[in-house]
Amino acid sequence: MIVARTVARIIDLAHDAVAKGVATEQDVDTAMRLGVNYPLGPFEWSRRLGRGWAGSLLDDLHERDPSGRYAPSLALYRHACATEKREDTP
């Protein structure tokens, strides 16, 4: 659970950074792969694990520990909602 929790938080923070205009999704993925030596960037992880995976995991963790430590960012919620709407559209 440690790795899953860590990856979910990284994905969440990456979405928040992009929403705040700090960098693009591609820039964040490149920085994490080349700068931190992760095998994938957070947006690639998000695509592979399913776009709602990180938010669902963080929601569950937040319910167990409502301190705010695992509360998903608004940017992650918005991303998940936008993805669901796109998938529902024929």
PDB file of N, CA and C in Angstrom:
ATOM      1  N   MET A   1       0.811  -1.190   0.000  1.00  0.00           N
ATOM      2  CA  MET A   1       0.000   0.000   0.000  1.00  0.00           C
ATOM      3  C   MET A   1       0.863   1.267   0.000  1.00  0.00           C
ATOM      4  N   ILE A   2       2.084   1.156   0.447  1.00  0.00           N
ATOM      5  CA  ILE A   2       2.961   2.330   0.491  1.00  0.00           C
ATOM      6  C   ILE A   2       3.227   2.864  -0.909  1.00  0.00           C
ATOM      7  N   VAL A   3       3.520   1.972  -1.843  1.00  0.00           N
ATOM      8  CA  VAL A   3       3.813   2.402  -3.213  1.00  0.00           C
ATOM      9  C   VAL A   3       2.553   2.986  -3.857  1.00  0.00           C
ATOM     10  N   ALA A   4       1.418   2.329  -3.695  1.00  0.00           N
ATOM     11  CA  ALA A   4       0.168   2.823  -4.280  1.00  0.00           C
ATOM     12  C   ALA A   4      -0.181   4.200  -3.724  1.00  0.00           C
ATOM     13  N   ARG A   5      -0.041   4.363  -2.417  1.00  0.00           N
ATOM     14  CA  ARG A   5      -0.338   5.647  -1.778  1.00  0.00           C
ATOM     15  C   ARG A   5       0.598   6.742  -2.303  1.00  0.00           C
ATOM     16  N   THR A   6       1.861   6.404  -2.467  1.00  0.00           N
ATOM     17  CA  THR A   6       2.848   7.371  -2.955  1.00  0.00           C
ATOM     18  C   THR A   6       2.559   7.764  -4.402  1.00  0.00           C
ATOM     19  N   VAL A   7       2.282   6.798  -5.241  1.00  0.00           N
ATOM     20  CA  VAL A   7       1.983   7.076  -6.654  1.00  0.00           C
ATOM     21  C   VAL A   7       0.716   7.916  -6.769  1.00  0.00           C
ATOM     22  N   ALA A   8      -0.297   7.602  -5.973  1.00  0.00           N
ATOM     23  CA  ALA A   8      -1.543   8.375  -6.019  1.00  0.00           C
ATOM     24  C   ALA A   8      -1.296   9.832  -5.627  1.00  0.00           C
ATOM     25  N   ARG A   9      -0.493  10.065  -4.604  1.00  0.00           N
ATOM     26  CA  ARG A   9      -0.184  11.445  -4.188  1.00  0.00           C
ATOM     27  C   ARG A   9       0.623  12.172  -5.262  1.00  0.00           C
ATOM     28  N   ILE A  10       1.557  11.477  -5.897  1.00  0.00           N
ATOM     29  CA  ILE A  10       2.351  12.094  -6.969  1.00  0.00           C
ATOM     30  C   ILE A  10       1.438  12.504  -8.126  1.00  0.00           C
ATOM     31  N   ILE A  11       0.512  11.623  -8.497  1.00  0.00           N
ATOM     32  CA  ILE A  11      -0.438  11.932  -9.566  1.00  0.00           C
ATOM     33  C   ILE A  11      -1.277  13.141  -9.177  1.00  0.00           C
ATOM     34  N   ASP A  12      -1.742  13.161  -7.940  1.00  0.00           N
ATOM     35  CA  ASP A  12      -2.550  14.280  -7.454  1.00  0.00           C
ATOM     36  C   ASP A  12      -1.769  15.591  -7.505  1.00  0.00           C
ATOM     37  N   LEU A  13      -0.570  15.584  -6.988  1.00  0.00           N
ATOM     38  CA  LEU A  13       0.253  16.800  -6.979  1.00  0.00           C
ATOM     39  C   LEU A  13       0.605  17.259  -8.395  1.00  0.00           C
ATOM     40  N   ALA A  14       0.800  16.318  -9.301  1.00  0.00           N
ATOM     41  CA  ALA A  14       1.094  16.667 -10.693  1.00  0.00           C
ATOM     42  C   ALA A  14      -0.097  17.370 -11.333  1.00  0.00           C
ATOM     43  N   HIS A  15      -1.303  16.859 -11.096  1.00  0.00           N
ATOM     44  CA  HIS A  15      -2.506  17.511 -11.636  1.00  0.00           C
ATOM     45  C   HIS A  15      -2.668  18.915 -11.056  1.00  0.00           C
ATOM     46  N   ASP A  16      -2.388  19.046  -9.773  1.00  0.00           N
ATOM     47  CA  ASP A  16      -2.489  20.353  -9.134  1.00  0.00           C
ATOM     48  C   ASP A  16      -1.481  21.341  -9.729  1.00  0.00           C
ATOM     49  N   ALA A  17      -0.268  20.872  -9.963  1.00  0.00           N
ATOM     50  CA  ALA A  17       0.776  21.742 -10.536  1.00  0.00           C
ATOM     51  C   ALA A  17       0.389  22.208 -11.940  1.00  0.00           C
ATOM     52  N   VAL A  18      -0.125  21.296 -12.756  1.00  0.00           N
ATOM     53  CA  VAL A  18      -0.532  21.662 -14.112  1.00  0.00           C
ATOM     54  C   VAL A  18      -1.702  22.641 -14.063  1.00  0.00           C
ATOM     55  N   ALA A  19      -2.658  22.398 -13.165  1.00  0.00           N
ATOM     56  CA  ALA A  19      -3.812  23.297 -13.044  1.00  0.00           C
ATOM     57  C   ALA A  19      -3.388  24.705 -12.632  1.00  0.00           C
ATOM     58  N   LYS A  20      -2.325  24.807 -11.864  1.00  0.00           N
ATOM     59  CA  LYS A  20      -1.824  26.115 -11.422  1.00  0.00           C
ATOM     60  C   LYS A  20      -0.890  26.754 -12.441  1.00  0.00           C
ATOM     61  N   GLY A  21      -0.638  26.058 -13.560  1.00  0.00           N
ATOM     62  CA  GLY A  21       0.188  26.624 -14.620  1.00  0.00           C
ATOM     63  C   GLY A  21       1.682  26.516 -14.380  1.00  0.00           C
ATOM     64  N   VAL A  22       2.090  25.666 -13.471  1.00  0.00           N
ATOM     65  CA  VAL A  22       3.511  25.500 -13.167  1.00  0.00           C
ATOM     66  C   VAL A  22       4.249  24.857 -14.344  1.00  0.00           C
ATOM     67  N   ALA A  23       3.608  23.901 -14.991  1.00  0.00           N
ATOM     68  CA  ALA A  23       4.223  23.181 -16.112  1.00  0.00           C
ATOM     69  C   ALA A  23       3.123  22.486 -16.901  1.00  0.00           C
ATOM     70  N   THR A  24       3.491  21.925 -18.040  1.00  0.00           N
ATOM     71  CA  THR A  24       2.555  21.127 -18.822  1.00  0.00           C
ATOM     72  C   THR A  24       2.631  19.673 -18.363  1.00  0.00           C
ATOM     73  N   GLU A  25       1.650  18.880 -18.760  1.00  0.00           N
ATOM     74  CA  GLU A  25       1.674  17.454 -18.424  1.00  0.00           C
ATOM     75  C   GLU A  25       2.955  16.797 -18.946  1.00  0.00           C
ATOM     76  N   GLN A  26       3.314  17.118 -20.178  1.00  0.00           N
ATOM     77  CA  GLN A  26       4.519  16.542 -20.774  1.00  0.00           C
ATOM     78  C   GLN A  26       5.764  16.953 -19.994  1.00  0.00           C
ATOM     79  N   ASP A  27       5.828  18.210 -19.594  1.00  0.00           N
ATOM     80  CA  ASP A  27       6.982  18.685 -18.818  1.00  0.00           C
ATOM     81  C   ASP A  27       7.096  17.957 -17.481  1.00  0.00           C
ATOM     82  N   VAL A  28       5.974  17.764 -16.810  1.00  0.00           N
ATOM     83  CA  VAL A  28       5.975  17.072 -15.515  1.00  0.00           C
ATOM     84  C   VAL A  28       6.435  15.621 -15.701  1.00  0.00           C
ATOM     85  N   ASP A  29       5.881  14.937 -16.709  1.00  0.00           N
ATOM     86  CA  ASP A  29       6.293  13.549 -16.958  1.00  0.00           C
ATOM     87  C   ASP A  29       7.788  13.454 -17.265  1.00  0.00           C
ATOM     88  N   THR A  30       8.275  14.350 -18.109  1.00  0.00           N
ATOM     89  CA  THR A  30       9.703  14.344 -18.460  1.00  0.00           C
ATOM     90  C   THR A  30      10.569  14.619 -17.239  1.00  0.00           C
ATOM     91  N   ALA A  31      10.180  15.593 -16.441  1.00  0.00           N
ATOM     92  CA  ALA A  31      10.957  15.932 -15.242  1.00  0.00           C
ATOM     93  C   ALA A  31      11.012  14.763 -14.265  1.00  0.00           C
ATOM     94  N   MET A  32       9.921  14.085 -14.080  1.00  0.00           N
ATOM     95  CA  MET A  32       9.892  12.971 -13.124  1.00  0.00           C
ATOM     96  C   MET A  32      10.682  11.768 -13.646  1.00  0.00           C
ATOM     97  N   ARG A  33      10.637  11.542 -14.949  1.00  0.00           N
ATOM     98  CA  ARG A  33      11.417  10.423 -15.512  1.00  0.00           C
ATOM     99  C   ARG A  33      12.910  10.732 -15.512  1.00  0.00           C
ATOM    100  N   LEU A  34      13.278  11.911 -15.969  1.00  0.00           N
ATOM    101  CA  LEU A  34      14.696  12.232 -16.117  1.00  0.00           C
ATOM    102  C   LEU A  34      15.316  12.799 -14.843  1.00  0.00           C
ATOM    103  N   GLY A  35      14.565  13.598 -14.116  1.00  0.00           N
ATOM    104  CA  GLY A  35      15.109  14.245 -12.929  1.00  0.00           C
ATOM    105  C   GLY A  35      15.080  13.387 -11.679  1.00  0.00           C
ATOM    106  N   VAL A  36      14.027  12.567 -11.555  1.00  0.00           N
ATOM    107  CA  VAL A  36      13.868  11.747 -10.355  1.00  0.00           C
ATOM    108  C   VAL A  36      14.112  10.271 -10.672  1.00  0.00           C
ATOM    109  N   ASN A  37      14.240   9.960 -11.942  1.00  0.00           N
ATOM    110  CA  ASN A  37      14.510   8.608 -12.420  1.00  0.00           C
ATOM    111  C   ASN A  37      13.360   7.637 -12.164  1.00  0.00           C
ATOM    112  N   TYR A  38      12.109   8.151 -12.214  1.00  0.00           N
ATOM    113  CA  TYR A  38      10.949   7.275 -12.125  1.00  0.00           C
ATOM    114  C   TYR A  38      10.779   6.589 -13.471  1.00  0.00           C
ATOM    115  N   PRO A  39      10.243   5.374 -13.487  1.00  0.00           N
ATOM    116  CA  PRO A  39      10.069   4.674 -14.767  1.00  0.00           C
ATOM    117  C   PRO A  39       9.035   5.342 -15.662  1.00  0.00           C
ATOM    118  N   LEU A  40       8.038   5.984 -15.057  1.00  0.00           N
ATOM    119  CA  LEU A  40       6.992   6.700 -15.791  1.00  0.00           C
ATOM    120  C   LEU A  40       6.719   8.017 -15.090  1.00  0.00           C
ATOM    121  N   GLY A  41       6.205   8.966 -15.845  1.00  0.00           N
ATOM    122  CA  GLY A  41       5.766  10.205 -15.232  1.00  0.00           C
ATOM    123  C   GLY A  41       4.377  10.026 -14.654  1.00  0.00           C
ATOM    124  N   PRO A  42       3.927  10.944 -13.822  1.00  0.00           N
ATOM    125  CA  PRO A  42       2.626  10.798 -13.170  1.00  0.00           C
ATOM    126  C   PRO A  42       1.436  10.752 -14.128  1.00  0.00           C
ATOM    127  N   PHE A  43       1.502  11.450 -15.227  1.00  0.00           N
ATOM    128  CA  PHE A  43       0.384  11.413 -16.163  1.00  0.00           C
ATOM    129  C   PHE A  43       0.355  10.105 -16.944  1.00  0.00           C
ATOM    130  N   GLU A  44       1.526   9.554 -17.239  1.00  0.00           N
ATOM    131  CA  GLU A  44       1.576   8.230 -17.876  1.00  0.00           C
ATOM    132  C   GLU A  44       1.064   7.169 -16.901  1.00  0.00           C
ATOM    133  N   TRP A  45       1.460   7.267 -15.631  1.00  0.00           N
ATOM    134  CA  TRP A  45       0.916   6.343 -14.620  1.00  0.00           C
ATOM    135  C   TRP A  45      -0.602   6.463 -14.567  1.00  0.00           C
ATOM    136  N   SER A  46      -1.087   7.685 -14.575  1.00  0.00           N
ATOM    137  CA  SER A  46      -2.532   7.918 -14.513  1.00  0.00           C
ATOM    138  C   SER A  46      -3.247   7.261 -15.692  1.00  0.00           C
ATOM    139  N   ARG A  47      -2.691   7.399 -16.876  1.00  0.00           N
ATOM    140  CA  ARG A  47      -3.303   6.776 -18.061  1.00  0.00           C
ATOM    141  C   ARG A  47      -3.280   5.256 -17.950  1.00  0.00           C
ATOM    142  N   ARG A  48      -2.202   4.696 -17.476  1.00  0.00           N
ATOM    143  CA  ARG A  48      -2.085   3.232 -17.379  1.00  0.00           C
ATOM    144  C   ARG A  48      -2.928   2.637 -16.256  1.00  0.00           C
ATOM    145  N   LEU A  49      -3.030   3.346 -15.141  1.00  0.00           N
ATOM    146  CA  LEU A  49      -3.769   2.827 -13.989  1.00  0.00           C
ATOM    147  C   LEU A  49      -5.264   3.139 -14.065  1.00  0.00           C
ATOM    148  N   GLY A  50      -5.625   4.022 -14.948  1.00  0.00           N
ATOM    149  CA  GLY A  50      -7.015   4.457 -15.049  1.00  0.00           C
ATOM    150  C   GLY A  50      -7.126   5.843 -14.442  1.00  0.00           C
ATOM    151  N   ARG A  51      -7.769   6.729 -15.125  1.00  0.00           N
ATOM    152  CA  ARG A  51      -7.783   8.134 -14.716  1.00  0.00           C
ATOM    153  C   ARG A  51      -8.455   8.366 -13.371  1.00  0.00           C
ATOM    154  N   GLY A  52      -9.334   7.489 -12.946  1.00  0.00           N
ATOM    155  CA  GLY A  52      -9.993   7.659 -11.650  1.00  0.00           C
ATOM    156  C   GLY A  52      -9.312   6.938 -10.507  1.00  0.00           C
ATOM    157  N   TRP A  53      -8.279   6.165 -10.821  1.00  0.00           N
ATOM    158  CA  TRP A  53      -7.634   5.330  -9.795  1.00  0.00           C
ATOM    159  C   TRP A  53      -7.081   6.150  -8.646  1.00  0.00           C
ATOM    160  N   ALA A  54      -6.303   7.166  -8.915  1.00  0.00           N
ATOM    161  CA  ALA A  54      -5.669   7.956  -7.855  1.00  0.00           C
ATOM    162  C   ALA A  54      -6.717   8.646  -6.988  1.00  0.00           C
ATOM    163  N   GLY A  55      -7.722   9.224  -7.592  1.00  0.00           N
ATOM    164  CA  GLY A  55      -8.764   9.898  -6.826  1.00  0.00           C
ATOM    165  C   GLY A  55      -9.532   8.941  -5.928  1.00  0.00           C
ATOM    166  N   SER A  56      -9.843   7.764  -6.449  1.00  0.00           N
ATOM    167  CA  SER A  56     -10.559   6.766  -5.643  1.00  0.00           C
ATOM    168  C   SER A  56      -9.725   6.320  -4.454  1.00  0.00           C
ATOM    169  N   LEU A  57      -8.458   6.044  -4.702  1.00  0.00           N
ATOM    170  CA  LEU A  57      -7.584   5.611  -3.613  1.00  0.00           C
ATOM    171  C   LEU A  57      -7.433   6.716  -2.567  1.00  0.00           C
ATOM    172  N   LEU A  58      -7.210   7.930  -3.012  1.00  0.00           N
ATOM    173  CA  LEU A  58      -7.052   9.041  -2.072  1.00  0.00           C
ATOM    174  C   LEU A  58      -8.341   9.319  -1.304  1.00  0.00           C
ATOM    175  N   ASP A  59      -9.491   9.183  -1.960  1.00  0.00           N
ATOM    176  CA  ASP A  59     -10.772   9.335  -1.255  1.00  0.00           C
ATOM    177  C   ASP A  59     -10.893   8.306  -0.131  1.00  0.00           C
ATOM    178  N   ASP A  60     -10.568   7.045  -0.441  1.00  0.00           N
ATOM    179  CA  ASP A  60     -10.625   5.979   0.569  1.00  0.00           C
ATOM    180  C   ASP A  60      -9.669   6.262   1.723  1.00  0.00           C
ATOM    181  N   LEU A  61      -8.458   6.670   1.400  1.00  0.00           N
ATOM    182  CA  LEU A  61      -7.483   6.985   2.451  1.00  0.00           C
ATOM    183  C   LEU A  61      -7.933   8.172   3.288  1.00  0.00           C
ATOM    184  N   HIS A  62      -8.531   9.154   2.629  1.00  0.00           N
ATOM    185  CA  HIS A  62      -9.007  10.346   3.346  1.00  0.00           C
ATOM    186  C   HIS A  62     -10.148   9.985   4.304  1.00  0.00           C
ATOM    187  N   GLU A  63     -11.009   9.052   3.907  1.00  0.00           N
ATOM    188  CA  GLU A  63     -12.082   8.601   4.802  1.00  0.00           C
ATOM    189  C   GLU A  63     -11.511   7.937   6.052  1.00  0.00           C
ATOM    190  N   ARG A  64     -10.444   7.165   5.879  1.00  0.00           N
ATOM    191  CA  ARG A  64      -9.812   6.484   7.013  1.00  0.00           C
ATOM    192  C   ARG A  64      -9.022   7.446   7.889  1.00  0.00           C
ATOM    193  N   ASP A  65      -8.434   8.473   7.267  1.00  0.00           N
ATOM    194  CA  ASP A  65      -7.613   9.443   7.990  1.00  0.00           C
ATOM    195  C   ASP A  65      -8.016  10.846   7.522  1.00  0.00           C
ATOM    196  N   PRO A  66      -9.077  11.412   8.120  1.00  0.00           N
ATOM    197  CA  PRO A  66      -9.600  12.693   7.642  1.00  0.00           C
ATOM    198  C   PRO A  66      -8.773  13.917   8.047  1.00  0.00           C
ATOM    199  N   SER A  67      -7.502  13.749   8.227  1.00  0.00           N
ATOM    200  CA  SER A  67      -6.632  14.867   8.607  1.00  0.00           C
ATOM    201  C   SER A  67      -6.378  15.827   7.448  1.00  0.00           C
ATOM    202  N   GLY A  68      -6.715  15.415   6.239  1.00  0.00           N
ATOM    203  CA  GLY A  68      -6.463  16.237   5.065  1.00  0.00           C
ATOM    204  C   GLY A  68      -5.225  15.800   4.300  1.00  0.00           C
ATOM    205  N   ARG A  69      -4.432  14.941   4.908  1.00  0.00           N
ATOM    206  CA  ARG A  69      -3.189  14.483   4.284  1.00  0.00           C
ATOM    207  C   ARG A  69      -3.431  13.817   2.931  1.00  0.00           C
ATOM    208  N   TYR A  70      -4.516  13.065   2.824  1.00  0.00           N
ATOM    209  CA  TYR A  70      -4.792  12.323   1.592  1.00  0.00           C
ATOM    210  C   TYR A  70      -5.961  12.891   0.795  1.00  0.00           C
ATOM    211  N   ALA A  71      -6.452  14.051   1.160  1.00  0.00           N
ATOM    212  CA  ALA A  71      -7.569  14.648   0.429  1.00  0.00           C
ATOM    213  C   ALA A  71      -7.136  14.975  -0.995  1.00  0.00           C
ATOM    214  N   PRO A  72      -7.832  14.438  -1.993  1.00  0.00           N
ATOM    215  CA  PRO A  72      -7.474  14.735  -3.381  1.00  0.00           C
ATOM    216  C   PRO A  72      -7.658  16.217  -3.701  1.00  0.00           C
ATOM    217  N   SER A  73      -6.837  16.715  -4.589  1.00  0.00           N
ATOM    218  CA  SER A  73      -6.936  18.118  -5.000  1.00  0.00           C
ATOM    219  C   SER A  73      -8.155  18.327  -5.889  1.00  0.00           C
ATOM    220  N   LEU A  74      -8.593  19.554  -5.954  1.00  0.00           N
ATOM    221  CA  LEU A  74      -9.698  19.916  -6.830  1.00  0.00           C
ATOM    222  C   LEU A  74      -9.335  19.627  -8.288  1.00  0.00           C
ATOM    223  N   ALA A  75      -8.084  19.826  -8.637  1.00  0.00           N
ATOM    224  CA  ALA A  75      -7.633  19.569 -10.019  1.00  0.00           C
ATOM    225  C   ALA A  75      -7.812  18.098 -10.388  1.00  0.00           C
ATOM    226  N   LEU A  76      -7.548  17.188  -9.450  1.00  0.00           N
ATOM    227  CA  LEU A  76      -7.714  15.758  -9.727  1.00  0.00           C
ATOM    228  C   LEU A  76      -9.187  15.426  -9.900  1.00  0.00           C
ATOM    229  N   TYR A  77     -10.054  15.998  -9.065  1.00  0.00           N
ATOM    230  CA  TYR A  77     -11.499  15.797  -9.224  1.00  0.00           C
ATOM    231  C   TYR A  77     -11.976  16.312 -10.578  1.00  0.00           C
ATOM    232  N   ARG A  78     -11.525  17.504 -10.942  1.00  0.00           N
ATOM    233  CA  ARG A  78     -11.942  18.075 -12.227  1.00  0.00           C
ATOM    234  C   ARG A  78     -11.495  17.207 -13.391  1.00  0.00           C
ATOM    235  N   HIS A  79     -10.291  16.700 -13.310  1.00  0.00           N
ATOM    236  CA  HIS A  79      -9.770  15.829 -14.365  1.00  0.00           C
ATOM    237  C   HIS A  79     -10.628  14.564 -14.479  1.00  0.00           C
ATOM    238  N   ALA A  80     -10.945  13.962 -13.342  1.00  0.00           N
ATOM    239  CA  ALA A  80     -11.755  12.740 -13.351  1.00  0.00           C
ATOM    240  C   ALA A  80     -13.144  13.010 -13.911  1.00  0.00           C
ATOM    241  N   CYS A  81     -13.752  14.131 -13.539  1.00  0.00           N
ATOM    242  CA  CYS A  81     -15.079  14.480 -14.040  1.00  0.00           C
ATOM    243  C   CYS A  81     -15.054  14.742 -15.540  1.00  0.00           C
ATOM    244  N   ALA A  82     -14.047  15.443 -16.012  1.00  0.00           N
ATOM    245  CA  ALA A  82     -13.924  15.736 -17.444  1.00  0.00           C
ATOM    246  C   ALA A  82     -13.737  14.448 -18.225  1.00  0.00           C
ATOM    247  N   THR A  83     -12.981  13.524 -17.684  1.00  0.00           N
ATOM    248  CA  THR A  83     -12.745  12.242 -18.347  1.00  0.00           C
ATOM    249  C   THR A  83     -14.034  11.437 -18.411  1.00  0.00           C
ATOM    250  N   GLU A  84     -14.792  11.393 -17.319  1.00  0.00           N
ATOM    251  CA  GLU A  84     -16.045  10.655 -17.305  1.00  0.00           C
ATOM    252  C   GLU A  84     -17.014  11.217 -18.318  1.00  0.00           C
ATOM    253  N   LYS A  85     -17.107  12.536 -18.423  1.00  0.00           N
ATOM    254  CA  LYS A  85     -18.020  13.163 -19.381  1.00  0.00           C
ATOM    255  C   LYS A  85     -17.622  12.819 -20.807  1.00  0.00           C
ATOM    256  N   ARG A  86     -16.317  12.830 -21.090  1.00  0.00           N
ATOM    257  CA  ARG A  86     -15.846  12.488 -22.433  1.00  0.00           C
ATOM    258  C   ARG A  86     -16.156  11.048 -22.772  1.00  0.00           C
ATOM    259  N   GLU A  87     -16.035  10.142 -21.809  1.00  0.00           N
ATOM    260  CA  GLU A  87     -16.277   8.722 -22.055  1.00  0.00           C
ATOM    261  C   GLU A  87     -17.764   8.448 -22.242  1.00  0.00           C
ATOM    262  N   ASP A  88     -18.640   9.266 -21.629  1.00  0.00           N
ATOM    263  CA  ASP A  88     -20.070   9.093 -21.748  1.00  0.00           C
ATOM    264  C   ASP A  88     -20.605   9.621 -23.076  1.00  0.00           C
ATOM    265  N   THR A  89     -19.882  10.528 -23.709  1.00  0.00           N
ATOM    266  CA  THR A  89     -20.316  11.145 -24.956  1.00  0.00           C
ATOM    267  C   THR A  89     -20.098  10.164 -26.112  1.00  0.00           C
ATOM    268  N   PRO A  90     -21.163   9.933 -26.905  1.00  0.00           N
ATOM    269  CA  PRO A  90     -21.015   8.986 -28.049  1.00  0.00           C
ATOM    270  C   PRO A  90     -20.174   9.513 -29.158  1.00  0.00           C
TER     271      PRO A  90
END
